[in-house]
């Protein structure tokens, strides 16, 4: 009996030592990768508190539960205002997420004010509860009672979330999560099942130009993706409409524009700078990255008014090359950024760009609301 106890103790000691060595190697690799980013050099270089955090994690992280290790490693990422960074469990079909029972009262959560992060959310007809648990929020499936993720406050007036999945990527860090117009931005969770007019829906093509009335034209720019195929498509569209902007008013719809690069967007920026009429830009919380940079550039024009809600606040740094860093244990993958930050852009990272005119997400279509605004101010 003693022999088996000694063998089991030896195995346990080996597993703990192996986990500790793996954790240390992962912490060192992640810390090194972060310190190479432009955002770290702008914000945290020579920051004693951040280096102390790294040292504490390295000395204390002995957990053998890989998800707990992931949560702790996220602490190295959260201090950075850089929402283009990515961090996730390395894809693997063999990895199965263990079921974790949650504890929540769905009836009480239904009574919480809609503007509160806590409450009941909908995902394609399925209910999910978000509730506070100590210093974090938990997400749970109402029907199964199983945990679906965590949400954490950040130092930057927003939240970061870790969401679980049954797919190839078992869990992933989602940065800069915010509740806007009933949508938990960056996640699939919505507080309302009614139509959200802030969103752009049923759109098949990335670009559209049409006449709304005798005085008003509509220009939709839904992507600034800078891959060769989209640059070609965007340029062809630009050439098609470049001589058509001869109306008194122009609505430029940037809702749900996920960004891209100036190789695509600059031609449209130049086009708007030449336009002599009044420009009304529609923006929402899914207006991201280069689409936000687009707004910062054109809103300086005297003939521009922005309408909608705050943009995502995922505007600066970005990635030229898209290189991933797989940590030594192979358990986790980090996606670093490599582009320079701009002071003007960094000021709205996390926060987003506020519109000149706030539009209501529940009362009416945003194009109709914009037309009403134009009519009221130009009668």
Protein backbone atom coordinates (compact mmCIF):
# COMPACT_ATOMS: atom_id res chain seq x y z
CA UNK A 1 0.00 0.00 0.00
CA UNK A 2 2.82 2.38 0.91
CA UNK A 3 4.39 1.68 -2.48
CA UNK A 4 1.24 2.77 -4.36
CA UNK A 5 0.85 5.87 -2.20
CA UNK A 6 4.46 6.84 -2.98
CA UNK A 7 3.91 6.22 -6.70
CA UNK A 8 0.72 8.34 -6.72
CA UNK A 9 2.44 11.09 -4.75
CA UNK A 10 5.31 11.02 -7.23
CA UNK A 11 2.93 11.29 -10.19
CA UNK A 12 1.09 14.14 -8.54
CA UNK A 13 4.33 15.98 -7.78
CA UNK A 14 5.50 15.48 -11.37
CA UNK A 15 2.22 16.81 -12.78
CA UNK A 16 2.35 19.90 -10.57
CA UNK A 17 6.00 20.54 -11.46
CA UNK A 18 5.26 20.00 -15.17
CA UNK A 19 2.29 22.40 -14.99
CA UNK A 20 4.37 25.01 -13.15
CA UNK A 21 7.17 24.82 -15.74
CA UNK A 22 4.61 25.07 -18.58
CA UNK A 23 2.94 28.03 -16.91
CA UNK A 24 6.24 29.86 -16.40
CA UNK A 25 7.24 29.29 -20.02
CA UNK A 26 3.86 30.58 -21.23
CA UNK A 27 4.00 33.64 -18.97
CA UNK A 28 7.52 34.50 -20.19
CA UNK A 29 6.55 34.05 -23.85
CA UNK A 30 3.36 36.08 -23.56
CA UNK A 31 5.08 38.86 -21.61
CA UNK A 32 7.87 39.01 -24.20
CA UNK A 33 5.37 39.13 -27.09
CA UNK A 34 3.40 41.92 -25.40
CA UNK A 35 6.55 43.99 -24.75
CA UNK A 36 7.31 43.93 -28.48
CA UNK A 37 4.03 45.61 -29.40
CA UNK A 38 3.74 49.30 -30.18
CA UNK A 39 0.89 49.63 -27.68
CA UNK A 40 3.05 48.33 -24.82
CA UNK A 41 5.86 50.72 -25.74
CA UNK A 42 3.39 53.63 -25.85
CA UNK A 43 1.55 52.83 -22.64
CA UNK A 44 3.39 50.48 -20.28
CA UNK A 45 7.11 50.60 -20.99
CA UNK A 46 8.99 51.13 -17.71
CA UNK A 47 5.70 50.76 -15.82
CA UNK A 48 6.71 49.26 -12.46
CA UNK A 49 3.21 48.07 -11.57
CA UNK A 50 2.94 46.12 -14.83
CA UNK A 51 6.34 44.49 -14.38
CA UNK A 52 5.33 43.64 -10.81
CA UNK A 53 2.18 41.95 -12.14
CA UNK A 54 4.31 39.83 -14.46
CA UNK A 55 6.65 38.87 -11.61
CA UNK A 56 3.76 37.94 -9.31
CA UNK A 57 2.11 35.77 -11.95
CA UNK A 58 5.36 33.99 -12.71
CA UNK A 59 5.97 33.14 -9.04
CA UNK A 60 2.40 32.23 -8.08
CA UNK A 61 0.80 30.54 -11.09
CA UNK A 62 0.99 26.80 -10.35
CA UNK A 63 -2.54 25.84 -11.37
CA UNK A 64 -2.94 22.60 -13.34
CA UNK A 65 -6.33 23.70 -14.71
CA UNK A 66 -5.50 25.18 -18.10
CA UNK A 67 -8.53 27.47 -18.20
CA UNK A 68 -7.56 29.02 -14.86
CA UNK A 69 -4.11 29.56 -16.33
CA UNK A 70 -5.72 31.27 -19.35
CA UNK A 71 -7.72 33.58 -17.07
CA UNK A 72 -4.56 34.59 -15.22
CA UNK A 73 -2.61 35.15 -18.45
CA UNK A 74 -5.39 37.49 -19.59
CA UNK A 75 -4.34 39.79 -16.75
CA UNK A 76 -1.22 40.64 -18.76
CA UNK A 77 -3.37 41.75 -21.70
CA UNK A 78 -6.19 43.65 -19.97
CA UNK A 79 -4.08 46.73 -18.94
CA UNK A 80 -3.38 47.54 -22.61
CA UNK A 81 -5.68 49.88 -24.52
CA UNK A 82 -5.28 47.90 -27.73
CA UNK A 83 -8.46 46.17 -28.87
CA UNK A 84 -6.95 44.63 -31.98
CA UNK A 85 -5.01 42.21 -29.76
CA UNK A 86 -6.27 38.63 -29.71
CA UNK A 87 -5.87 35.75 -27.24
CA UNK A 88 -7.52 32.34 -27.37
CA UNK A 89 -7.21 28.65 -26.64
CA UNK A 90 -5.24 27.10 -29.50
CA UNK A 91 -7.71 25.30 -31.80
CA UNK A 92 -8.00 21.56 -31.24
CA UNK A 93 -10.89 19.21 -31.97
CA UNK A 94 -9.79 16.87 -29.16
CA UNK A 95 -10.32 19.49 -26.48
CA UNK A 96 -13.69 19.26 -24.75
CA UNK A 97 -14.95 22.07 -22.57
CA UNK A 98 -16.07 20.70 -19.17
CA UNK A 99 -19.64 21.50 -18.12
CA UNK A 100 -19.74 23.92 -15.19
CA UNK A 101 -22.97 24.46 -13.28
CA UNK A 102 -23.89 28.11 -12.64
CA UNK A 103 -25.91 29.65 -9.82
CA UNK A 104 -28.39 32.40 -10.73
CA UNK A 105 -32.03 33.46 -10.32
CA UNK A 106 -33.45 34.07 -13.79
CA UNK A 107 -36.74 35.55 -12.48
CA UNK A 108 -34.94 38.24 -10.48
CA UNK A 109 -32.64 38.99 -13.42
CA UNK A 110 -35.67 39.68 -15.64
CA UNK A 111 -36.60 42.57 -13.34
CA UNK A 112 -33.23 44.36 -13.65
CA UNK A 113 -33.20 47.65 -15.57
CA UNK A 114 -32.41 47.22 -19.31
CA UNK A 115 -29.41 49.58 -19.06
CA UNK A 116 -27.72 47.30 -16.51
CA UNK A 117 -25.16 44.75 -17.67
CA UNK A 118 -26.94 42.18 -15.53
CA UNK A 119 -30.09 40.61 -16.91
CA UNK A 120 -31.50 38.09 -19.38
CA UNK A 121 -30.19 38.11 -22.95
CA UNK A 122 -31.31 36.40 -26.13
CA UNK A 123 -29.24 34.51 -28.70
CA UNK A 124 -31.42 33.23 -31.54
CA UNK A 125 -34.23 32.35 -29.17
CA UNK A 126 -32.06 30.90 -26.40
CA UNK A 127 -31.93 32.72 -23.05
CA UNK A 128 -28.70 33.62 -21.27
CA UNK A 129 -28.28 35.11 -17.81
CA UNK A 130 -25.55 37.61 -16.98
CA UNK A 131 -25.09 38.17 -13.27
CA UNK A 132 -22.45 39.46 -10.87
CA UNK A 133 -20.37 36.95 -8.96
CA UNK A 134 -17.77 38.51 -6.63
CA UNK A 135 -15.48 40.72 -8.78
CA UNK A 136 -16.63 39.38 -12.14
CA UNK A 137 -19.79 38.63 -14.10
CA UNK A 138 -20.86 35.16 -15.18
CA UNK A 139 -22.77 34.20 -18.32
CA UNK A 140 -25.01 31.13 -18.10
CA UNK A 141 -27.43 29.31 -20.36
CA UNK A 142 -30.86 29.66 -18.72
CA UNK A 143 -32.14 26.31 -20.04
CA UNK A 144 -29.13 24.12 -19.24
CA UNK A 145 -27.86 26.09 -16.23
CA UNK A 146 -24.30 25.77 -17.56
CA UNK A 147 -21.68 28.50 -17.52
CA UNK A 148 -21.02 30.08 -20.93
CA UNK A 149 -18.37 32.64 -20.07
CA UNK A 150 -17.06 35.42 -17.85
CA UNK A 151 -17.03 39.21 -18.08
CA UNK A 152 -14.45 41.42 -16.31
CA UNK A 153 -14.23 45.15 -15.75
CA UNK A 154 -11.17 46.80 -17.30
CA UNK A 155 -9.36 50.01 -16.28
CA UNK A 156 -10.68 51.61 -19.49
CA UNK A 157 -14.43 52.09 -18.87
CA UNK A 158 -15.41 48.89 -20.67
CA UNK A 159 -15.37 45.12 -20.16
CA UNK A 160 -13.42 42.15 -21.45
CA UNK A 161 -15.09 38.77 -21.79
CA UNK A 162 -14.02 35.15 -22.09
CA UNK A 163 -16.59 33.14 -24.04
CA UNK A 164 -16.79 29.36 -24.28
CA UNK A 165 -17.48 27.48 -27.48
CA UNK A 166 -18.06 23.91 -28.58
CA UNK A 167 -16.18 24.63 -31.80
CA UNK A 168 -12.53 24.39 -32.76
CA UNK A 169 -11.62 27.28 -30.44
CA UNK A 170 -12.89 26.23 -26.97
CA UNK A 171 -12.61 29.71 -25.45
CA UNK A 172 -11.52 33.17 -26.52
CA UNK A 173 -10.85 36.59 -24.98
CA UNK A 174 -13.17 39.27 -26.39
CA UNK A 175 -11.92 42.80 -25.80
CA UNK A 176 -13.88 46.02 -25.25
CA UNK A 177 -17.34 44.63 -24.57
CA UNK A 178 -20.06 47.25 -23.98
CA UNK A 179 -23.86 47.29 -23.65
CA UNK A 180 -25.18 49.64 -26.35
CA UNK A 181 -28.83 49.87 -27.41
CA UNK A 182 -29.52 46.44 -25.93
CA UNK A 183 -26.61 44.77 -27.73
CA UNK A 184 -23.63 43.44 -25.81
CA UNK A 185 -21.11 44.59 -28.40
CA UNK A 186 -18.53 42.00 -29.41
CA UNK A 187 -20.76 39.10 -28.33
CA UNK A 188 -23.94 37.51 -29.73
CA UNK A 189 -26.00 38.52 -26.67
CA UNK A 190 -28.97 40.93 -27.01
CA UNK A 191 -31.34 42.16 -24.30
CA UNK A 192 -34.24 42.76 -26.70
CA UNK A 193 -35.89 40.72 -29.43
CA UNK A 194 -37.44 43.81 -31.06
CA UNK A 195 -35.91 45.40 -34.16
CA UNK A 196 -32.71 47.29 -33.48
CA UNK A 197 -32.55 50.10 -36.02
CA UNK A 198 -28.95 50.83 -35.08
CA UNK A 199 -27.90 47.69 -36.95
CA UNK A 200 -27.48 47.36 -40.68
CA UNK A 201 -29.25 44.20 -41.85
CA UNK A 202 -30.07 42.30 -45.05
CA UNK A 203 -27.07 43.75 -46.87
CA UNK A 204 -25.59 41.60 -49.63
CA UNK A 205 -23.05 43.94 -51.24
CA UNK A 206 -20.40 46.06 -49.51
CA UNK A 207 -21.19 49.23 -51.45
CA UNK A 208 -24.36 50.99 -52.53
CA UNK A 209 -25.36 54.33 -54.02
CA UNK A 210 -28.94 55.46 -54.58
CA UNK A 211 -31.14 58.56 -54.70
CA UNK A 212 -33.54 58.93 -51.74
CA UNK A 213 -35.32 62.05 -53.01
CA UNK A 214 -34.66 64.92 -55.37
CA UNK A 215 -32.17 66.51 -52.97
CA UNK A 216 -30.68 63.60 -51.06
CA UNK A 217 -28.36 60.78 -52.11
CA UNK A 218 -27.39 57.73 -50.05
CA UNK A 219 -23.87 56.23 -50.07
CA UNK A 220 -23.26 53.02 -48.12
CA UNK A 221 -19.68 51.97 -47.41
CA UNK A 222 -19.80 48.69 -45.48
CA UNK A 223 -16.18 47.56 -45.78
CA UNK A 224 -12.71 49.01 -46.16
CA UNK A 225 -11.06 45.59 -46.34
CA UNK A 226 -7.70 45.92 -48.06
CA UNK A 227 -7.36 42.54 -49.71
CA UNK A 228 -6.80 42.78 -53.49
CA UNK A 229 -10.29 41.55 -54.37
CA UNK A 230 -12.06 44.16 -52.23
CA UNK A 231 -9.73 46.98 -53.29
CA UNK A 232 -10.63 46.19 -56.88
CA UNK A 233 -14.35 46.10 -56.06
CA UNK A 234 -14.21 49.35 -54.03
CA UNK A 235 -12.22 51.17 -56.72
CA UNK A 236 -14.66 50.10 -59.44
CA UNK A 237 -17.54 51.35 -57.30
CA UNK A 238 -15.74 54.64 -56.62
CA UNK A 239 -15.18 55.23 -60.33
CA UNK A 240 -18.83 54.47 -60.97
CA UNK A 241 -20.19 57.04 -58.50
CA UNK A 242 -17.40 59.68 -58.40
CA UNK A 243 -19.30 62.06 -60.71
CA UNK A 244 -22.71 61.38 -59.16
CA UNK A 245 -22.43 63.38 -55.93
CA UNK A 246 -24.24 66.48 -57.16
CA UNK A 247 -27.07 66.64 -54.64
CA UNK A 248 -27.62 69.06 -51.75
CA UNK A 249 -27.46 66.34 -49.11
CA UNK A 250 -25.51 63.09 -48.86
CA UNK A 251 -26.07 60.36 -46.26
CA UNK A 252 -22.94 58.21 -45.84
CA UNK A 253 -23.75 54.95 -44.05
CA UNK A 254 -20.81 53.46 -42.13
CA UNK A 255 -22.86 51.21 -39.85
CA UNK A 256 -21.35 47.76 -39.33
CA UNK A 257 -18.22 48.73 -41.29
CA UNK A 258 -15.56 46.45 -39.81
CA UNK A 259 -12.67 48.55 -41.09
CA UNK A 260 -9.71 47.62 -43.24
CA UNK A 261 -7.15 50.11 -44.52
CA UNK A 262 -6.57 53.39 -46.31
CA UNK A 263 -5.76 51.54 -49.54
CA UNK A 264 -9.53 51.18 -49.80
CA UNK A 265 -10.94 54.08 -47.79
CA UNK A 266 -8.70 56.97 -48.86
CA UNK A 267 -10.40 57.37 -52.25
CA UNK A 268 -13.75 57.89 -50.50
CA UNK A 269 -12.21 60.33 -48.00
CA UNK A 270 -10.86 62.36 -50.92
CA UNK A 271 -14.25 62.21 -52.61
CA UNK A 272 -16.05 63.63 -49.55
CA UNK A 273 -13.49 66.40 -49.18
CA UNK A 274 -14.47 67.62 -52.66
CA UNK A 275 -18.21 67.40 -51.99
CA UNK A 276 -19.86 70.81 -51.60
CA UNK A 277 -23.20 69.78 -50.10
CA UNK A 278 -24.10 68.71 -46.55
CA UNK A 279 -22.80 65.30 -45.42
CA UNK A 280 -24.53 63.16 -42.79
CA UNK A 281 -22.58 60.16 -41.56
CA UNK A 282 -24.37 57.22 -39.92
CA UNK A 283 -22.28 55.33 -37.35
CA UNK A 284 -23.00 52.61 -34.80
CA UNK A 285 -21.20 50.47 -32.23
CA UNK A 286 -20.12 48.10 -35.02
CA UNK A 287 -18.29 50.87 -36.87
CA UNK A 288 -14.73 49.73 -36.23
CA UNK A 289 -11.04 50.35 -36.89
CA UNK A 290 -10.35 52.08 -40.23
CA UNK A 291 -14.03 53.07 -40.42
CA UNK A 292 -13.47 54.98 -37.17
CA UNK A 293 -10.30 56.52 -38.62
CA UNK A 294 -12.39 57.53 -41.63
CA UNK A 295 -14.81 59.40 -39.35
CA UNK A 296 -12.01 61.21 -37.49
CA UNK A 297 -10.69 62.51 -40.81
CA UNK A 298 -13.94 63.61 -42.46
CA UNK A 299 -15.72 64.99 -39.39
CA UNK A 300 -13.22 67.85 -39.40
CA UNK A 301 -14.94 69.16 -42.53
CA UNK A 302 -17.38 72.01 -41.83
CA UNK A 303 -20.15 70.38 -43.87
CA UNK A 304 -20.19 67.06 -41.92
CA UNK A 305 -22.62 65.95 -39.19
CA UNK A 306 -22.36 62.50 -37.58
CA UNK A 307 -25.46 60.65 -36.37
CA UNK A 308 -26.10 57.41 -34.50
CA UNK A 309 -24.31 56.12 -31.45
CA UNK A 310 -20.71 55.72 -30.25
CA UNK A 311 -18.43 53.69 -32.49
CA UNK A 312 -16.73 50.55 -31.13
CA UNK A 313 -13.51 52.14 -29.88
CA UNK A 314 -11.26 49.67 -31.65
CA UNK A 315 -9.42 52.16 -33.75
CA UNK A 316 -5.68 52.30 -33.23
CA UNK A 317 -2.61 50.02 -33.62
CA UNK A 318 -3.88 47.12 -35.75
CA UNK A 319 -1.76 44.53 -37.54
CA UNK A 320 0.20 44.69 -40.78
CA UNK A 321 1.20 41.05 -40.94
CA UNK A 322 -1.25 38.99 -38.88
CA UNK A 323 1.40 36.85 -37.22
CA UNK A 324 0.22 34.63 -34.36
CA UNK A 325 2.35 33.60 -31.38
CA UNK A 326 1.69 30.09 -30.08
CA UNK A 327 2.87 29.90 -26.46
CA UNK A 328 5.40 27.15 -25.56
CA UNK A 329 2.83 24.76 -24.03
CA UNK A 330 0.85 24.94 -27.32
CA UNK A 331 -2.29 25.53 -25.23
CA UNK A 332 -2.77 29.22 -26.04
CA UNK A 333 -2.34 31.55 -29.01
CA UNK A 334 -1.67 35.30 -28.87
CA UNK A 335 -2.37 37.66 -31.77
CA UNK A 336 -0.16 40.76 -31.38
CA UNK A 337 -0.47 44.11 -33.10
CA UNK A 338 2.43 45.83 -34.84
CA UNK A 339 1.15 49.17 -36.14
CA UNK A 340 1.94 52.59 -34.65
CA UNK A 341 -0.66 54.31 -32.51
CA UNK A 342 -1.78 57.90 -33.09
CA UNK A 343 -2.52 60.15 -30.13
CA UNK A 344 -5.85 61.35 -31.54
CA UNK A 345 -6.96 57.74 -32.10
CA UNK A 346 -5.70 56.45 -28.76
CA UNK A 347 -7.90 59.06 -27.04
CA UNK A 348 -11.02 57.23 -28.29
CA UNK A 349 -9.76 53.65 -28.01
CA UNK A 350 -12.29 51.74 -25.83
CA UNK A 351 -14.56 54.80 -25.64
CA UNK A 352 -15.49 55.19 -29.30
CA UNK A 353 -16.31 58.31 -31.29
CA UNK A 354 -19.43 60.08 -30.07
CA UNK A 355 -21.91 61.25 -32.73
CA UNK A 356 -23.01 64.86 -33.08
CA UNK A 357 -26.63 63.66 -33.05
CA UNK A 358 -27.83 60.63 -31.07
CA UNK A 359 -30.37 58.45 -32.91
CA UNK A 360 -32.90 56.17 -31.22
CA UNK A 361 -32.39 52.45 -31.88
CA UNK A 362 -36.00 51.43 -31.23
CA UNK A 363 -38.33 54.07 -32.68
CA UNK A 364 -37.65 54.17 -36.43
CA UNK A 365 -35.26 53.33 -39.26
CA UNK A 366 -32.07 55.40 -39.02
CA UNK A 367 -32.20 56.58 -42.62
CA UNK A 368 -35.73 57.85 -42.01
CA UNK A 369 -34.58 59.55 -38.79
CA UNK A 370 -31.74 61.21 -40.70
CA UNK A 371 -34.09 62.42 -43.42
CA UNK A 372 -36.32 63.91 -40.72
CA UNK A 373 -33.29 65.64 -39.19
CA UNK A 374 -32.30 67.08 -42.57
CA UNK A 375 -35.84 68.33 -43.17
CA UNK A 376 -36.05 70.03 -39.76
CA UNK A 377 -32.73 71.82 -40.19
CA UNK A 378 -33.07 72.87 -43.82
CA UNK A 379 -36.69 73.89 -44.27
